[in-house]
C-alpha atoms as a PDB file:
ATOM      1  CA  UNK A   1     -90.001 -16.720-124.323  1.00  0.00           C
ATOM      2  CA  UNK A   2     -91.246 -13.197-125.184  1.00  0.00           C
ATOM      3  CA  UNK A   3     -94.505 -13.007-127.084  1.00  0.00           C
ATOM      4  CA  UNK A   4     -94.946 -11.801-130.627  1.00  0.00           C
ATOM      5  CA  UNK A   5     -97.374  -8.962-130.028  1.00  0.00           C
ATOM      6  CA  UNK A   6     -98.438  -8.276-133.623  1.00  0.00           C
ATOM      7  CA  UNK A   7     -98.758 -10.157-136.919  1.00  0.00           C
ATOM      8  CA  UNK A   8     -99.989  -9.083-140.331  1.00  0.00           C
ATOM      9  CA  UNK A   9    -100.330 -10.252-143.902  1.00  0.00           C
ATOM     10  CA  UNK A  10    -101.383  -8.691-147.201  1.00  0.00           C
ATOM     11  CA  UNK A  11    -103.127  -9.737-150.390  1.00  0.00           C
ATOM     12  CA  UNK A  12    -103.824  -8.029-153.704  1.00  0.00           C
ATOM     13  CA  UNK A  13    -107.517  -7.904-154.685  1.00  0.00           C
ATOM     14  CA  UNK A  14    -108.826  -6.793-158.076  1.00  0.00           C
ATOM     15  CA  UNK A  15    -111.221  -4.217-156.660  1.00  0.00           C
ATOM     16  CA  UNK A  16    -111.162  -0.548-155.724  1.00  0.00           C
ATOM     17  CA  UNK A  17    -110.011   0.390-152.188  1.00  0.00           C
ATOM     18  CA  UNK A  18    -113.441   1.881-151.415  1.00  0.00           C
ATOM     19  CA  UNK A  19    -115.181  -1.365-152.419  1.00  0.00           C
ATOM     20  CA  UNK A  20    -112.889  -3.483-150.228  1.00  0.00           C
ATOM     21  CA  UNK A  21    -113.286  -1.030-147.343  1.00  0.00           C
ATOM     22  CA  UNK A  22    -117.077  -1.145-147.704  1.00  0.00           C
ATOM     23  CA  UNK A  23    -117.068  -4.928-147.244  1.00  0.00           C
ATOM     24  CA  UNK A  24    -114.528  -5.101-144.408  1.00  0.00           C
ATOM     25  CA  UNK A  25    -115.966  -2.189-142.423  1.00  0.00           C
ATOM     26  CA  UNK A  26    -119.267  -4.042-141.935  1.00  0.00           C
ATOM     27  CA  UNK A  27    -118.762  -6.191-138.813  1.00  0.00           C
ATOM     28  CA  UNK A  28    -121.996  -8.083-139.513  1.00  0.00           C
ATOM     29  CA  UNK A  29    -120.413  -9.510-142.687  1.00  0.00           C
ATOM     30  CA  UNK A  30    -117.041 -10.614-141.243  1.00  0.00           C
ATOM     31  CA  UNK A  31    -118.319 -14.151-140.689  1.00  0.00           C
ATOM     32  CA  UNK A  32    -118.347 -14.637-144.474  1.00  0.00           C
ATOM     33  CA  UNK A  33    -114.536 -14.547-144.573  1.00  0.00           C
ATOM     34  CA  UNK A  34    -113.187 -15.229-141.098  1.00  0.00           C
ATOM     35  CA  UNK A  35    -112.515 -18.827-140.038  1.00  0.00           C
ATOM     36  CA  UNK A  36    -113.497 -17.919-136.464  1.00  0.00           C
ATOM     37  CA  UNK A  37    -115.937 -15.012-136.501  1.00  0.00           C
ATOM     38  CA  UNK A  38    -119.605 -15.867-137.056  1.00  0.00           C
ATOM     39  CA  UNK A  39    -120.840 -12.303-137.583  1.00  0.00           C
ATOM     40  CA  UNK A  40    -121.738  -9.408-135.320  1.00  0.00           C
ATOM     41  CA  UNK A  41    -124.525  -7.291-133.941  1.00  0.00           C
ATOM     42  CA  UNK A  42    -124.075  -3.526-134.060  1.00  0.00           C
ATOM     43  CA  UNK A  43    -125.157  -1.742-130.882  1.00  0.00           C
ATOM     44  CA  UNK A  44    -126.921   1.603-131.120  1.00  0.00           C
ATOM     45  CA  UNK A  45    -128.969   3.150-133.889  1.00  0.00           C
ATOM     46  CA  UNK A  46    -126.359   4.607-136.232  1.00  0.00           C
ATOM     47  CA  UNK A  47    -125.300   2.261-139.027  1.00  0.00           C
ATOM     48  CA  UNK A  48    -122.259   2.479-141.245  1.00  0.00           C
ATOM     49  CA  UNK A  49    -118.735   2.304-139.905  1.00  0.00           C
ATOM     50  CA  UNK A  50    -117.719   5.247-137.736  1.00  0.00           C
ATOM     51  CA  UNK A  51    -115.239   5.846-134.942  1.00  0.00           C
ATOM     52  CA  UNK A  52    -116.941   4.913-131.681  1.00  0.00           C
ATOM     53  CA  UNK A  53    -119.304   2.357-133.235  1.00  0.00           C
ATOM     54  CA  UNK A  54    -119.718  -0.579-130.846  1.00  0.00           C
ATOM     55  CA  UNK A  55    -120.516  -4.109-131.900  1.00  0.00           C
ATOM     56  CA  UNK A  56    -120.613  -7.574-130.390  1.00  0.00           C
ATOM     57  CA  UNK A  57    -118.887 -10.277-132.399  1.00  0.00           C
ATOM     58  CA  UNK A  58    -119.916 -13.939-132.252  1.00  0.00           C
ATOM     59  CA  UNK A  59    -117.005 -16.352-132.516  1.00  0.00           C
ATOM     60  CA  UNK A  60    -116.425 -20.091-132.678  1.00  0.00           C
ATOM     61  CA  UNK A  61    -113.290 -22.241-132.489  1.00  0.00           C
ATOM     62  CA  UNK A  62    -114.087 -25.954-132.620  1.00  0.00           C
ATOM     63  CA  UNK A  63    -116.867 -26.564-130.105  1.00  0.00           C
ATOM     64  CA  UNK A  64    -116.064 -23.402-128.114  1.00  0.00           C
ATOM     65  CA  UNK A  65    -118.184 -20.295-128.684  1.00  0.00           C
ATOM     66  CA  UNK A  66    -117.762 -16.805-127.243  1.00  0.00           C
ATOM     67  CA  UNK A  67    -118.818 -13.202-127.732  1.00  0.00           C
ATOM     68  CA  UNK A  68    -116.636 -10.088-127.777  1.00  0.00           C
ATOM     69  CA  UNK A  69    -117.417  -6.395-127.459  1.00  0.00           C
ATOM     70  CA  UNK A  70    -115.537  -4.187-129.900  1.00  0.00           C
ATOM     71  CA  UNK A  71    -115.259  -0.480-130.593  1.00  0.00           C
ATOM     72  CA  UNK A  72    -114.247   0.992-133.946  1.00  0.00           C
ATOM     73  CA  UNK A  73    -111.098   3.134-133.607  1.00  0.00           C
ATOM     74  CA  UNK A  74    -110.557   4.082-137.286  1.00  0.00           C
ATOM     75  CA  UNK A  75    -113.052   4.382-140.153  1.00  0.00           C
ATOM     76  CA  UNK A  76    -111.347   6.092-143.088  1.00  0.00           C
ATOM     77  CA  UNK A  77    -113.127   4.940-146.299  1.00  0.00           C
ATOM     78  CA  UNK A  78    -110.761   3.345-148.785  1.00  0.00           C
ATOM     79  CA  UNK A  79    -107.787   3.748-146.424  1.00  0.00           C
ATOM     80  CA  UNK A  80    -108.153   2.188-142.972  1.00  0.00           C
ATOM     81  CA  UNK A  81    -110.601   0.359-140.706  1.00  0.00           C
ATOM     82  CA  UNK A  82    -109.700  -0.712-137.158  1.00  0.00           C
ATOM     83  CA  UNK A  83    -111.370  -1.840-133.948  1.00  0.00           C
ATOM     84  CA  UNK A  84    -110.310  -2.855-130.472  1.00  0.00           C
ATOM     85  CA  UNK A  85    -111.659  -5.882-128.636  1.00  0.00           C
ATOM     86  CA  UNK A  86    -112.240  -4.914-125.003  1.00  0.00           C
ATOM     87  CA  UNK A  87    -114.643  -7.419-123.426  1.00  0.00           C
ATOM     88  CA  UNK A  88    -115.314 -11.133-123.743  1.00  0.00           C
ATOM     89  CA  UNK A  89    -117.812 -13.688-122.493  1.00  0.00           C
ATOM     90  CA  UNK A  90    -119.663 -16.844-123.389  1.00  0.00           C
ATOM     91  CA  UNK A  91    -123.098 -15.446-124.304  1.00  0.00           C
ATOM     92  CA  UNK A  92    -122.523 -11.802-123.381  1.00  0.00           C
ATOM     93  CA  UNK A  93    -119.171  -9.998-123.248  1.00  0.00           C
ATOM     94  CA  UNK A  94    -119.130  -9.479-119.466  1.00  0.00           C
ATOM     95  CA  UNK A  95    -115.391  -9.665-118.715  1.00  0.00           C
ATOM     96  CA  UNK A  96    -113.768  -6.299-119.595  1.00  0.00           C
ATOM     97  CA  UNK A  97    -110.113  -5.942-120.490  1.00  0.00           C
ATOM     98  CA  UNK A  98    -107.679  -5.049-123.233  1.00  0.00           C
ATOM     99  CA  UNK A  99    -107.705  -8.059-125.586  1.00  0.00           C
ATOM    100  CA  UNK A 100    -106.714  -7.186-129.153  1.00  0.00           C
ATOM    101  CA  UNK A 101    -106.654  -4.617-131.921  1.00  0.00           C
ATOM    102  CA  UNK A 102    -107.603  -5.527-135.518  1.00  0.00           C
ATOM    103  CA  UNK A 103    -106.654  -3.209-138.360  1.00  0.00           C
ATOM    104  CA  UNK A 104    -107.204  -3.247-142.131  1.00  0.00           C
ATOM    105  CA  UNK A 105    -105.293  -0.931-144.477  1.00  0.00           C
ATOM    106  CA  UNK A 106    -106.137  -0.402-148.145  1.00  0.00           C
ATOM    107  CA  UNK A 107    -103.619   0.733-150.761  1.00  0.00           C
ATOM    108  CA  UNK A 108    -104.375   1.211-154.466  1.00  0.00           C
ATOM    109  CA  UNK A 109    -101.908  -0.736-156.650  1.00  0.00           C
ATOM    110  CA  UNK A 110    -102.345  -0.648-160.442  1.00  0.00           C
ATOM    111  CA  UNK A 111    -106.143  -0.787-160.417  1.00  0.00           C
ATOM    112  CA  UNK A 112    -106.254  -3.290-157.537  1.00  0.00           C
ATOM    113  CA  UNK A 113    -106.074  -2.961-153.768  1.00  0.00           C
ATOM    114  CA  UNK A 114    -103.425  -4.277-151.412  1.00  0.00           C
ATOM    115  CA  UNK A 115    -105.278  -5.188-148.237  1.00  0.00           C
ATOM    116  CA  UNK A 116    -103.168  -5.557-145.101  1.00  0.00           C
ATOM    117  CA  UNK A 117    -104.764  -7.142-142.044  1.00  0.00           C
ATOM    118  CA  UNK A 118    -102.989  -6.760-138.688  1.00  0.00           C
ATOM    119  CA  UNK A 119    -103.728  -8.332-135.313  1.00  0.00           C
ATOM    120  CA  UNK A 120    -102.129  -6.825-132.203  1.00  0.00           C
ATOM    121  CA  UNK A 121    -102.211  -8.540-128.816  1.00  0.00           C
ATOM    122  CA  UNK A 122    -103.379  -5.969-126.263  1.00  0.00           C
ATOM    123  CA  UNK A 123    -102.993  -8.302-123.285  1.00  0.00           C
ATOM    124  CA  UNK A 124     -99.860  -6.402-122.241  1.00  0.00           C
ATOM    125  CA  UNK A 125    -100.562  -6.746-118.524  1.00  0.00           C
ATOM    126  CA  UNK A 126    -100.364 -10.540-118.777  1.00  0.00           C
ATOM    127  CA  UNK A 127     -96.956 -12.026-117.948  1.00  0.00           C
ATOM    128  CA  UNK A 128     -95.468 -13.795-121.008  1.00  0.00           C
ATOM    129  CA  UNK A 129     -95.401 -17.170-119.219  1.00  0.00           C
ATOM    130  CA  UNK A 130     -99.121 -16.989-118.354  1.00  0.00           C
ATOM    131  CA  UNK A 131    -100.100 -15.694-121.808  1.00  0.00           C
ATOM    132  CA  UNK A 132     -98.081 -18.406-123.585  1.00  0.00           C
ATOM    133  CA  UNK A 133     -99.641 -21.160-121.432  1.00  0.00           C
ATOM    134  CA  UNK A 134    -103.179 -19.810-121.978  1.00  0.00           C
ATOM    135  CA  UNK A 135    -102.581 -19.392-125.712  1.00  0.00           C
ATOM    136  CA  UNK A 136    -101.397 -22.971-126.184  1.00  0.00           C
ATOM    137  CA  UNK A 137    -104.506 -24.323-124.456  1.00  0.00           C
ATOM    138  CA  UNK A 138    -106.888 -21.988-126.346  1.00  0.00           C
ATOM    139  CA  UNK A 139    -105.304 -22.684-129.755  1.00  0.00           C
ATOM    140  CA  UNK A 140    -104.402 -26.358-129.305  1.00  0.00           C
ATOM    141  CA  UNK A 141    -100.642 -25.890-129.074  1.00  0.00           C
ATOM    142  CA  UNK A 142     -99.921 -22.568-130.769  1.00  0.00           C
ATOM    143  CA  UNK A 143     -99.241 -19.034-129.633  1.00  0.00           C
ATOM    144  CA  UNK A 144    -101.962 -16.538-130.521  1.00  0.00           C
ATOM    145  CA  UNK A 145     -99.558 -14.870-132.944  1.00  0.00           C
ATOM    146  CA  UNK A 146     -99.035 -18.156-134.851  1.00  0.00           C
ATOM    147  CA  UNK A 147    -102.740 -18.934-134.725  1.00  0.00           C
ATOM    148  CA  UNK A 148    -103.813 -15.469-135.882  1.00  0.00           C
ATOM    149  CA  UNK A 149    -101.293 -15.526-138.739  1.00  0.00           C
ATOM    150  CA  UNK A 150    -103.228 -18.493-140.163  1.00  0.00           C
ATOM    151  CA  UNK A 151    -106.605 -16.849-139.518  1.00  0.00           C
ATOM    152  CA  UNK A 152    -105.486 -13.670-141.268  1.00  0.00           C
ATOM    153  CA  UNK A 153    -104.292 -15.589-144.351  1.00  0.00           C
ATOM    154  CA  UNK A 154    -107.589 -17.504-144.551  1.00  0.00           C
ATOM    155  CA  UNK A 155    -109.657 -14.328-144.136  1.00  0.00           C
ATOM    156  CA  UNK A 156    -107.735 -12.463-146.844  1.00  0.00           C
ATOM    157  CA  UNK A 157    -107.942 -15.348-149.311  1.00  0.00           C
ATOM    158  CA  UNK A 158    -111.695 -15.750-148.775  1.00  0.00           C
ATOM    159  CA  UNK A 159    -112.238 -11.995-149.123  1.00  0.00           C
ATOM    160  CA  UNK A 160    -110.277 -11.971-152.400  1.00  0.00           C
ATOM    161  CA  UNK A 161    -112.395 -14.775-153.841  1.00  0.00           C
ATOM    162  CA  UNK A 162    -115.654 -13.098-152.772  1.00  0.00           C
ATOM    163  CA  UNK A 163    -114.789  -9.670-154.158  1.00  0.00           C
ATOM    164  CA  UNK A 164    -113.269 -10.872-157.404  1.00  0.00           C
ATOM    165  CA  UNK A 165    -116.279 -13.112-158.117  1.00  0.00           C
ATOM    166  CA  UNK A 166    -118.525 -10.032-157.911  1.00  0.00           C
ATOM    167  CA  UNK A 167    -117.180  -8.746-161.234  1.00  0.00           C
ATOM    168  CA  UNK A 168    -115.820  -5.263-161.982  1.00  0.00           C
ATOM    169  CA  UNK A 169    -119.075  -3.359-161.501  1.00  0.00           C
ATOM    170  CA  UNK A 170    -119.829  -4.648-157.992  1.00  0.00           C
ATOM    171  CA  UNK A 171    -116.153  -4.707-156.928  1.00  0.00           C
ATOM    172  CA  UNK A 172    -115.760  -1.052-157.832  1.00  0.00           C
ATOM    173  CA  UNK A 173    -113.233  -1.444-160.636  1.00  0.00           C
ATOM    174  CA  UNK A 174    -113.330   0.700-163.715  1.00  0.00           C
ATOM    175  CA  UNK A 175    -113.468  -1.227-166.991  1.00  0.00           C
ATOM    176  CA  UNK A 176    -110.059  -1.340-168.649  1.00  0.00           C
ATOM    177  CA  UNK A 177    -108.084  -0.953-165.405  1.00  0.00           C
ATOM    178  CA  UNK A 178    -105.057  -3.242-165.068  1.00  0.00           C
ATOM    179  CA  UNK A 179    -105.680  -6.653-163.528  1.00  0.00           C
ATOM    180  CA  UNK A 180    -103.145  -8.280-161.240  1.00  0.00           C
ATOM    181  CA  UNK A 181    -103.427 -11.216-158.878  1.00  0.00           C
END
């Protein structure tokens, strides 16, 4: 069976695109929303999202923990943030290889922001049969596409709650702007 190589989902958040971007473009904060990611450590001295920024993400699924190395591929404030995952390991990301691409797009909609999160499987060199078998073991019976669809929904819902609880000043909304959910 051929693999689904990309999945995405969207949610509407009552906050300005720049405010949502600011939160999602900080890899150290992703653990607040993601069901799997536990945060990250940015490598190098320069802070703030920028193309070429490298970070190591800490992840956990059940009792299994691992670390990934990621490089930011898009950092357009209020519009798009993306990174590719290109190494993995238990404590240190020692095994290089194309793993995945994560992308977040931000679109202003009536005083709110439509956030679209997309996961793309970059393991294109893996035969479908091998990838499907590995995926079902790693996700307890699912393909990575099915599994990531659930992770994306959870992340977006948690992000919405966090940003909307901040109130209009911290979420970057202008008083009197339309509110939609």
